[in-house]
Amino acid sequence: MLKQGSLYFRNSMTVDDTVDKFHKSRDTCSRPPAPTGRTPIYNFDEWSRTHYGATFQRTMETRNKQRRYQTKREQEVNDVKMEKLLFIFGALFLMCMYAFQTNRNTYDNVYVGSSSMSFVVKKDKNNSGND
């Protein structure tokens, strides 16, 4: 038993080769090339077009669709308002025509009595009342 324990401690104290290789590879990491004095011009417009072009296009299509929907909705609301207005004016016109038609026939009527007890005496068109 004692022999196994001493082997255990001896193996735990040795450095693992894989860990050692990993650390050694990090010591000699590659470096970027030395600057030459000229840097390339960064084209941000091209980069943003390639990265956000599809998203921008979808956003613009969505906005245009919402504008078309909004204008269509406003047009429908205005059409309903116009229909209501025309209906009201038509109804008023018909009521006025009816009132004028019924009043035209009552010009020859003579009302006798108070407003609570009145009766109509019609004049004859042939007899003008000069009896």
N, C-alpha and C. Protein backbone atom coordinates (compact mmCIF):
# COMPACT_ATOMS: atom_id res chain seq x y z
N MET A 1 0.81 -1.19 0.00
CA MET A 1 0.00 0.00 0.00
C MET A 1 0.85 1.25 0.00
N LEU A 2 1.88 1.18 0.74
CA LEU A 2 2.75 2.34 0.83
C LEU A 2 3.40 2.64 -0.50
N LYS A 3 3.69 1.63 -1.25
CA LYS A 3 4.33 1.81 -2.53
C LYS A 3 3.39 2.51 -3.51
N GLN A 4 2.11 2.19 -3.49
CA GLN A 4 1.17 2.83 -4.40
C GLN A 4 1.00 4.31 -4.07
N GLY A 5 0.99 4.62 -2.82
CA GLY A 5 0.84 6.02 -2.44
C GLY A 5 2.02 6.85 -2.86
N SER A 6 3.23 6.30 -2.75
CA SER A 6 4.39 7.07 -3.14
C SER A 6 4.43 7.26 -4.65
N LEU A 7 3.92 6.29 -5.43
CA LEU A 7 3.83 6.46 -6.88
C LEU A 7 2.82 7.55 -7.24
N TYR A 8 1.76 7.58 -6.50
CA TYR A 8 0.73 8.59 -6.75
C TYR A 8 1.28 9.99 -6.58
N PHE A 9 1.99 10.22 -5.47
CA PHE A 9 2.53 11.55 -5.22
C PHE A 9 3.64 11.90 -6.20
N ARG A 10 4.40 10.91 -6.62
CA ARG A 10 5.49 11.18 -7.54
C ARG A 10 4.93 11.59 -8.92
N ASN A 11 3.85 10.95 -9.38
CA ASN A 11 3.26 11.29 -10.67
C ASN A 11 2.54 12.63 -10.63
N SER A 12 2.02 12.99 -9.51
CA SER A 12 1.31 14.26 -9.42
C SER A 12 2.26 15.44 -9.42
N MET A 13 3.49 15.22 -9.09
CA MET A 13 4.45 16.31 -9.04
C MET A 13 5.11 16.56 -10.39
N THR A 14 5.00 15.64 -11.33
CA THR A 14 5.63 15.86 -12.63
C THR A 14 4.75 16.75 -13.49
N VAL A 15 5.35 17.51 -14.38
CA VAL A 15 4.63 18.43 -15.26
C VAL A 15 4.10 17.63 -16.44
N ASP A 16 2.87 17.84 -16.74
CA ASP A 16 2.24 17.14 -17.86
C ASP A 16 2.78 17.70 -19.17
N ASP A 17 3.09 16.83 -20.10
CA ASP A 17 3.67 17.27 -21.37
C ASP A 17 2.69 18.10 -22.20
N THR A 18 1.41 17.77 -22.19
CA THR A 18 0.44 18.52 -23.00
C THR A 18 0.28 19.94 -22.49
N VAL A 19 0.27 20.11 -21.18
CA VAL A 19 0.15 21.46 -20.61
C VAL A 19 1.40 22.25 -20.94
N ASP A 20 2.55 21.61 -20.85
CA ASP A 20 3.81 22.27 -21.14
C ASP A 20 3.87 22.71 -22.60
N LYS A 21 3.42 21.88 -23.51
CA LYS A 21 3.41 22.23 -24.92
C LYS A 21 2.49 23.42 -25.20
N PHE A 22 1.36 23.43 -24.54
CA PHE A 22 0.41 24.53 -24.73
C PHE A 22 1.03 25.86 -24.32
N HIS A 23 1.68 25.90 -23.16
CA HIS A 23 2.27 27.15 -22.69
C HIS A 23 3.45 27.57 -23.55
N LYS A 24 4.23 26.62 -24.02
CA LYS A 24 5.36 26.96 -24.88
C LYS A 24 4.88 27.51 -26.22
N SER A 25 3.76 26.99 -26.73
CA SER A 25 3.26 27.50 -28.01
C SER A 25 2.74 28.93 -27.86
N ARG A 26 2.29 29.29 -26.70
CA ARG A 26 1.81 30.65 -26.48
C ARG A 26 2.96 31.65 -26.31
N ASP A 27 4.10 31.18 -25.92
CA ASP A 27 5.26 32.07 -25.80
C ASP A 27 5.72 32.57 -27.16
N THR A 28 5.62 31.76 -28.16
CA THR A 28 6.09 32.13 -29.49
C THR A 28 4.90 32.39 -30.41
N CYS A 29 4.03 33.30 -30.03
CA CYS A 29 2.87 33.60 -30.86
C CYS A 29 3.29 34.46 -32.04
N SER A 30 2.51 34.39 -33.09
CA SER A 30 2.85 35.15 -34.29
C SER A 30 2.52 36.62 -34.07
N ARG A 31 3.32 37.46 -34.63
CA ARG A 31 3.13 38.90 -34.49
C ARG A 31 2.68 39.47 -35.83
N PRO A 32 1.94 40.56 -35.80
CA PRO A 32 1.53 41.18 -37.07
C PRO A 32 2.74 41.76 -37.78
N PRO A 33 2.61 41.96 -39.09
CA PRO A 33 3.76 42.52 -39.82
C PRO A 33 4.06 43.94 -39.36
N ALA A 34 5.27 44.31 -39.52
CA ALA A 34 5.70 45.64 -39.10
C ALA A 34 5.05 46.69 -40.00
N PRO A 35 4.67 47.84 -39.44
CA PRO A 35 4.03 48.88 -40.26
C PRO A 35 4.99 49.43 -41.31
N THR A 36 4.43 49.71 -42.49
CA THR A 36 5.25 50.22 -43.59
C THR A 36 5.14 51.73 -43.72
N GLY A 37 4.26 52.34 -42.96
CA GLY A 37 4.08 53.78 -43.05
C GLY A 37 2.82 54.15 -43.83
N ARG A 38 2.29 53.22 -44.60
CA ARG A 38 1.06 53.45 -45.36
C ARG A 38 -0.02 52.53 -44.84
N THR A 39 -1.13 53.09 -44.46
CA THR A 39 -2.24 52.26 -44.00
C THR A 39 -3.34 52.30 -45.06
N PRO A 40 -4.03 51.21 -45.30
CA PRO A 40 -5.11 51.23 -46.30
C PRO A 40 -6.28 52.05 -45.77
N ILE A 41 -6.96 52.71 -46.68
CA ILE A 41 -8.12 53.53 -46.31
C ILE A 41 -9.29 52.59 -46.03
N TYR A 42 -9.92 52.80 -44.91
CA TYR A 42 -11.03 51.95 -44.50
C TYR A 42 -12.31 52.51 -45.11
N ASN A 43 -13.00 51.71 -45.89
CA ASN A 43 -14.23 52.13 -46.54
C ASN A 43 -15.41 51.70 -45.67
N PHE A 44 -15.85 52.61 -44.82
CA PHE A 44 -16.93 52.30 -43.90
C PHE A 44 -18.26 52.13 -44.64
N ASP A 45 -18.48 52.90 -45.71
CA ASP A 45 -19.72 52.78 -46.47
C ASP A 45 -19.88 51.39 -47.07
N GLU A 46 -18.81 50.89 -47.64
CA GLU A 46 -18.87 49.55 -48.23
C GLU A 46 -19.11 48.50 -47.15
N TRP A 47 -18.45 48.64 -46.03
CA TRP A 47 -18.62 47.69 -44.94
C TRP A 47 -20.06 47.71 -44.41
N SER A 48 -20.61 48.91 -44.21
CA SER A 48 -21.97 48.99 -43.69
C SER A 48 -22.98 48.48 -44.71
N ARG A 49 -22.73 48.72 -46.01
CA ARG A 49 -23.62 48.20 -47.04
C ARG A 49 -23.63 46.67 -47.04
N THR A 50 -22.46 46.08 -46.90
CA THR A 50 -22.41 44.61 -46.92
C THR A 50 -22.99 44.00 -45.65
N HIS A 51 -22.80 44.65 -44.52
CA HIS A 51 -23.28 44.08 -43.26
C HIS A 51 -24.74 44.40 -42.97
N TYR A 52 -25.19 45.60 -43.33
CA TYR A 52 -26.53 46.04 -42.97
C TYR A 52 -27.42 46.30 -44.17
N GLY A 53 -27.00 45.97 -45.36
CA GLY A 53 -27.78 46.25 -46.57
C GLY A 53 -29.13 45.57 -46.58
N ALA A 54 -29.16 44.29 -46.28
CA ALA A 54 -30.42 43.55 -46.30
C ALA A 54 -31.36 44.04 -45.21
N THR A 55 -30.82 44.32 -44.05
CA THR A 55 -31.65 44.84 -42.95
C THR A 55 -32.21 46.21 -43.30
N PHE A 56 -31.39 47.06 -43.89
CA PHE A 56 -31.84 48.39 -44.30
C PHE A 56 -32.94 48.27 -45.36
N GLN A 57 -32.76 47.37 -46.31
CA GLN A 57 -33.76 47.18 -47.36
C GLN A 57 -35.09 46.72 -46.77
N ARG A 58 -35.04 45.77 -45.84
CA ARG A 58 -36.27 45.29 -45.19
C ARG A 58 -36.94 46.41 -44.40
N THR A 59 -36.14 47.22 -43.73
CA THR A 59 -36.70 48.33 -42.95
C THR A 59 -37.40 49.33 -43.87
N MET A 60 -36.77 49.65 -44.99
CA MET A 60 -37.37 50.60 -45.92
C MET A 60 -38.65 50.03 -46.53
N GLU A 61 -38.66 48.76 -46.87
CA GLU A 61 -39.87 48.13 -47.40
C GLU A 61 -40.99 48.14 -46.37
N THR A 62 -40.65 47.88 -45.11
CA THR A 62 -41.65 47.90 -44.04
C THR A 62 -42.22 49.30 -43.86
N ARG A 63 -41.36 50.31 -43.89
CA ARG A 63 -41.84 51.69 -43.75
C ARG A 63 -42.75 52.08 -44.90
N ASN A 64 -42.37 51.71 -46.13
CA ASN A 64 -43.21 52.03 -47.28
C ASN A 64 -44.55 51.32 -47.19
N LYS A 65 -44.53 50.08 -46.74
CA LYS A 65 -45.77 49.32 -46.59
C LYS A 65 -46.67 49.98 -45.54
N GLN A 66 -46.07 50.43 -44.43
CA GLN A 66 -46.85 51.10 -43.39
C GLN A 66 -47.42 52.42 -43.90
N ARG A 67 -46.63 53.17 -44.70
CA ARG A 67 -47.15 54.42 -45.27
C ARG A 67 -48.32 54.16 -46.21
N ARG A 68 -48.18 53.15 -47.06
CA ARG A 68 -49.28 52.83 -47.98
C ARG A 68 -50.52 52.41 -47.20
N TYR A 69 -50.34 51.61 -46.16
CA TYR A 69 -51.47 51.19 -45.34
C TYR A 69 -52.12 52.39 -44.66
N GLN A 70 -51.29 53.31 -44.15
CA GLN A 70 -51.82 54.48 -43.45
C GLN A 70 -52.61 55.38 -44.41
N THR A 71 -52.07 55.62 -45.61
CA THR A 71 -52.79 56.47 -46.57
C THR A 71 -54.08 55.79 -47.03
N LYS A 72 -54.04 54.47 -47.20
CA LYS A 72 -55.25 53.75 -47.59
C LYS A 72 -56.30 53.86 -46.48
N ARG A 73 -55.86 53.72 -45.25
CA ARG A 73 -56.77 53.82 -44.11
C ARG A 73 -57.38 55.22 -44.01
N GLU A 74 -56.55 56.25 -44.18
CA GLU A 74 -57.05 57.63 -44.14
C GLU A 74 -58.04 57.87 -45.27
N GLN A 75 -57.77 57.32 -46.46
CA GLN A 75 -58.68 57.47 -47.58
C GLN A 75 -60.02 56.81 -47.29
N GLU A 76 -59.99 55.62 -46.67
CA GLU A 76 -61.23 54.94 -46.32
C GLU A 76 -62.03 55.74 -45.29
N VAL A 77 -61.35 56.32 -44.32
CA VAL A 77 -62.03 57.13 -43.30
C VAL A 77 -62.66 58.36 -43.96
N ASN A 78 -61.92 59.01 -44.87
CA ASN A 78 -62.46 60.18 -45.56
C ASN A 78 -63.64 59.80 -46.44
N ASP A 79 -63.59 58.63 -47.08
CA ASP A 79 -64.71 58.18 -47.90
C ASP A 79 -65.96 57.95 -47.05
N VAL A 80 -65.79 57.37 -45.87
CA VAL A 80 -66.94 57.14 -44.98
C VAL A 80 -67.52 58.47 -44.52
N LYS A 81 -66.66 59.43 -44.19
CA LYS A 81 -67.15 60.75 -43.78
C LYS A 81 -67.93 61.42 -44.91
N MET A 82 -67.41 61.31 -46.14
CA MET A 82 -68.08 61.92 -47.28
C MET A 82 -69.43 61.26 -47.53
N GLU A 83 -69.50 59.93 -47.40
CA GLU A 83 -70.77 59.23 -47.58
C GLU A 83 -71.79 59.68 -46.54
N LYS A 84 -71.37 59.81 -45.30
CA LYS A 84 -72.28 60.27 -44.24
C LYS A 84 -72.77 61.68 -44.53
N LEU A 85 -71.87 62.55 -44.95
CA LEU A 85 -72.23 63.94 -45.25
C LEU A 85 -73.22 64.00 -46.41
N LEU A 86 -72.97 63.23 -47.47
CA LEU A 86 -73.89 63.21 -48.60
C LEU A 86 -75.25 62.65 -48.20
N PHE A 87 -75.26 61.64 -47.35
CA PHE A 87 -76.53 61.07 -46.89
C PHE A 87 -77.32 62.10 -46.09
N ILE A 88 -76.65 62.83 -45.22
CA ILE A 88 -77.33 63.85 -44.41
C ILE A 88 -77.90 64.95 -45.30
N PHE A 89 -77.10 65.45 -46.25
CA PHE A 89 -77.60 66.49 -47.15
C PHE A 89 -78.74 65.97 -48.02
N GLY A 90 -78.65 64.73 -48.46
CA GLY A 90 -79.74 64.15 -49.25
C GLY A 90 -81.02 64.04 -48.44
N ALA A 91 -80.89 63.60 -47.19
CA ALA A 91 -82.07 63.49 -46.32
C ALA A 91 -82.68 64.87 -46.06
N LEU A 92 -81.83 65.86 -45.80
CA LEU A 92 -82.34 67.23 -45.59
C LEU A 92 -83.02 67.76 -46.85
N PHE A 93 -82.46 67.49 -48.00
CA PHE A 93 -83.05 67.94 -49.26
C PHE A 93 -84.42 67.30 -49.46
N LEU A 94 -84.53 65.99 -49.20
CA LEU A 94 -85.82 65.32 -49.35
C LEU A 94 -86.85 65.84 -48.35
N MET A 95 -86.43 66.12 -47.11
CA MET A 95 -87.37 66.67 -46.12
C MET A 95 -87.84 68.07 -46.54
N CYS A 96 -86.94 68.87 -47.05
CA CYS A 96 -87.33 70.22 -47.50
C CYS A 96 -88.29 70.12 -48.69
N MET A 97 -88.00 69.23 -49.62
CA MET A 97 -88.90 69.07 -50.77
C MET A 97 -90.28 68.60 -50.31
N TYR A 98 -90.34 67.70 -49.35
CA TYR A 98 -91.61 67.22 -48.84
C TYR A 98 -92.36 68.36 -48.13
N ALA A 99 -91.63 69.15 -47.35
CA ALA A 99 -92.27 70.26 -46.63
C ALA A 99 -92.82 71.29 -47.61
N PHE A 100 -92.07 71.62 -48.63
CA PHE A 100 -92.54 72.60 -49.61
C PHE A 100 -93.72 72.05 -50.40
N GLN A 101 -93.72 70.78 -50.69
CA GLN A 101 -94.81 70.17 -51.44
C GLN A 101 -96.09 70.18 -50.62
N THR A 102 -96.01 69.84 -49.34
CA THR A 102 -97.21 69.83 -48.51
C THR A 102 -97.68 71.24 -48.20
N ASN A 103 -96.80 72.20 -48.07
CA ASN A 103 -97.21 73.58 -47.79
C ASN A 103 -97.82 74.23 -49.01
N ARG A 104 -97.48 73.82 -50.19
CA ARG A 104 -98.03 74.41 -51.40
C ARG A 104 -99.53 74.14 -51.50
N ASN A 105 -99.97 73.01 -51.01
CA ASN A 105 -101.39 72.68 -51.06
C ASN A 105 -102.18 73.35 -49.94
N THR A 106 -101.54 73.85 -48.91
CA THR A 106 -102.26 74.41 -47.77
C THR A 106 -102.40 75.92 -47.82
N TYR A 107 -101.96 76.57 -48.89
CA TYR A 107 -102.10 78.03 -48.97
C TYR A 107 -103.57 78.44 -49.08
N ASP A 108 -104.39 77.57 -49.66
CA ASP A 108 -105.80 77.91 -49.84
C ASP A 108 -106.63 77.55 -48.62
N ASN A 109 -106.06 76.98 -47.61
CA ASN A 109 -106.79 76.59 -46.41
C ASN A 109 -106.87 77.77 -45.44
N VAL A 110 -108.01 77.88 -44.77
CA VAL A 110 -108.20 78.92 -43.77
C VAL A 110 -108.38 78.21 -42.43
N TYR A 111 -107.54 78.60 -41.46
CA TYR A 111 -107.61 78.00 -40.14
C TYR A 111 -108.49 78.86 -39.26
N VAL A 112 -109.48 78.23 -38.62
CA VAL A 112 -110.42 78.95 -37.78
C VAL A 112 -110.30 78.37 -36.37
N GLY A 113 -110.25 79.25 -35.36
CA GLY A 113 -110.22 78.80 -33.99
C GLY A 113 -108.84 78.94 -33.39
N SER A 114 -108.75 78.53 -32.12
CA SER A 114 -107.47 78.61 -31.42
C SER A 114 -106.58 77.45 -31.87
N SER A 115 -105.37 77.48 -31.39
CA SER A 115 -104.42 76.45 -31.82
C SER A 115 -104.78 75.07 -31.28
N SER A 116 -105.48 75.02 -30.11
CA SER A 116 -105.84 73.71 -29.56
C SER A 116 -107.08 73.15 -30.24
N MET A 117 -107.99 74.01 -30.68
CA MET A 117 -109.21 73.55 -31.33
C MET A 117 -109.37 74.29 -32.64
N SER A 118 -108.68 73.86 -33.65
CA SER A 118 -108.79 74.53 -34.94
C SER A 118 -109.28 73.54 -35.98
N PHE A 119 -109.94 74.07 -36.97
CA PHE A 119 -110.35 73.23 -38.08
C PHE A 119 -110.09 74.00 -39.36
N VAL A 120 -110.07 73.27 -40.46
CA VAL A 120 -109.67 73.84 -41.74
C VAL A 120 -110.90 74.00 -42.61
N VAL A 121 -111.04 75.19 -43.16
CA VAL A 121 -112.09 75.45 -44.13
C VAL A 121 -111.38 75.65 -45.45
N LYS A 122 -111.66 74.78 -46.42
CA LYS A 122 -111.00 74.88 -47.71
C LYS A 122 -111.81 75.78 -48.61
N LYS A 123 -111.09 76.62 -49.31
CA LYS A 123 -111.73 77.47 -50.31
C LYS A 123 -111.81 76.69 -51.61
N ASP A 124 -112.83 76.93 -52.30
CA ASP A 124 -112.98 76.30 -53.59
C ASP A 124 -112.26 77.17 -54.61
N LYS A 125 -111.53 76.56 -55.50
CA LYS A 125 -110.76 77.34 -56.48
C LYS A 125 -111.69 77.98 -57.50
N ASN A 126 -112.79 77.35 -57.79
CA ASN A 126 -113.72 77.93 -58.76
C ASN A 126 -114.51 79.07 -58.15
N ASN A 127 -114.83 78.98 -56.88
CA ASN A 127 -115.58 80.01 -56.19
C ASN A 127 -114.61 80.80 -55.34
N SER A 128 -114.38 82.03 -55.64
CA SER A 128 -113.37 82.83 -54.96
C SER A 128 -113.87 83.37 -53.64
N GLY A 129 -115.07 83.08 -53.25
CA GLY A 129 -115.58 83.50 -51.97
C GLY A 129 -116.35 84.81 -52.06
N ASN A 130 -116.71 85.28 -53.24
CA ASN A 130 -117.47 86.52 -53.42
C ASN A 130 -118.95 86.17 -53.58
N ASP A 131 -119.55 85.53 -52.66
CA ASP A 131 -120.96 85.13 -52.74
C ASP A 131 -121.85 86.25 -52.49
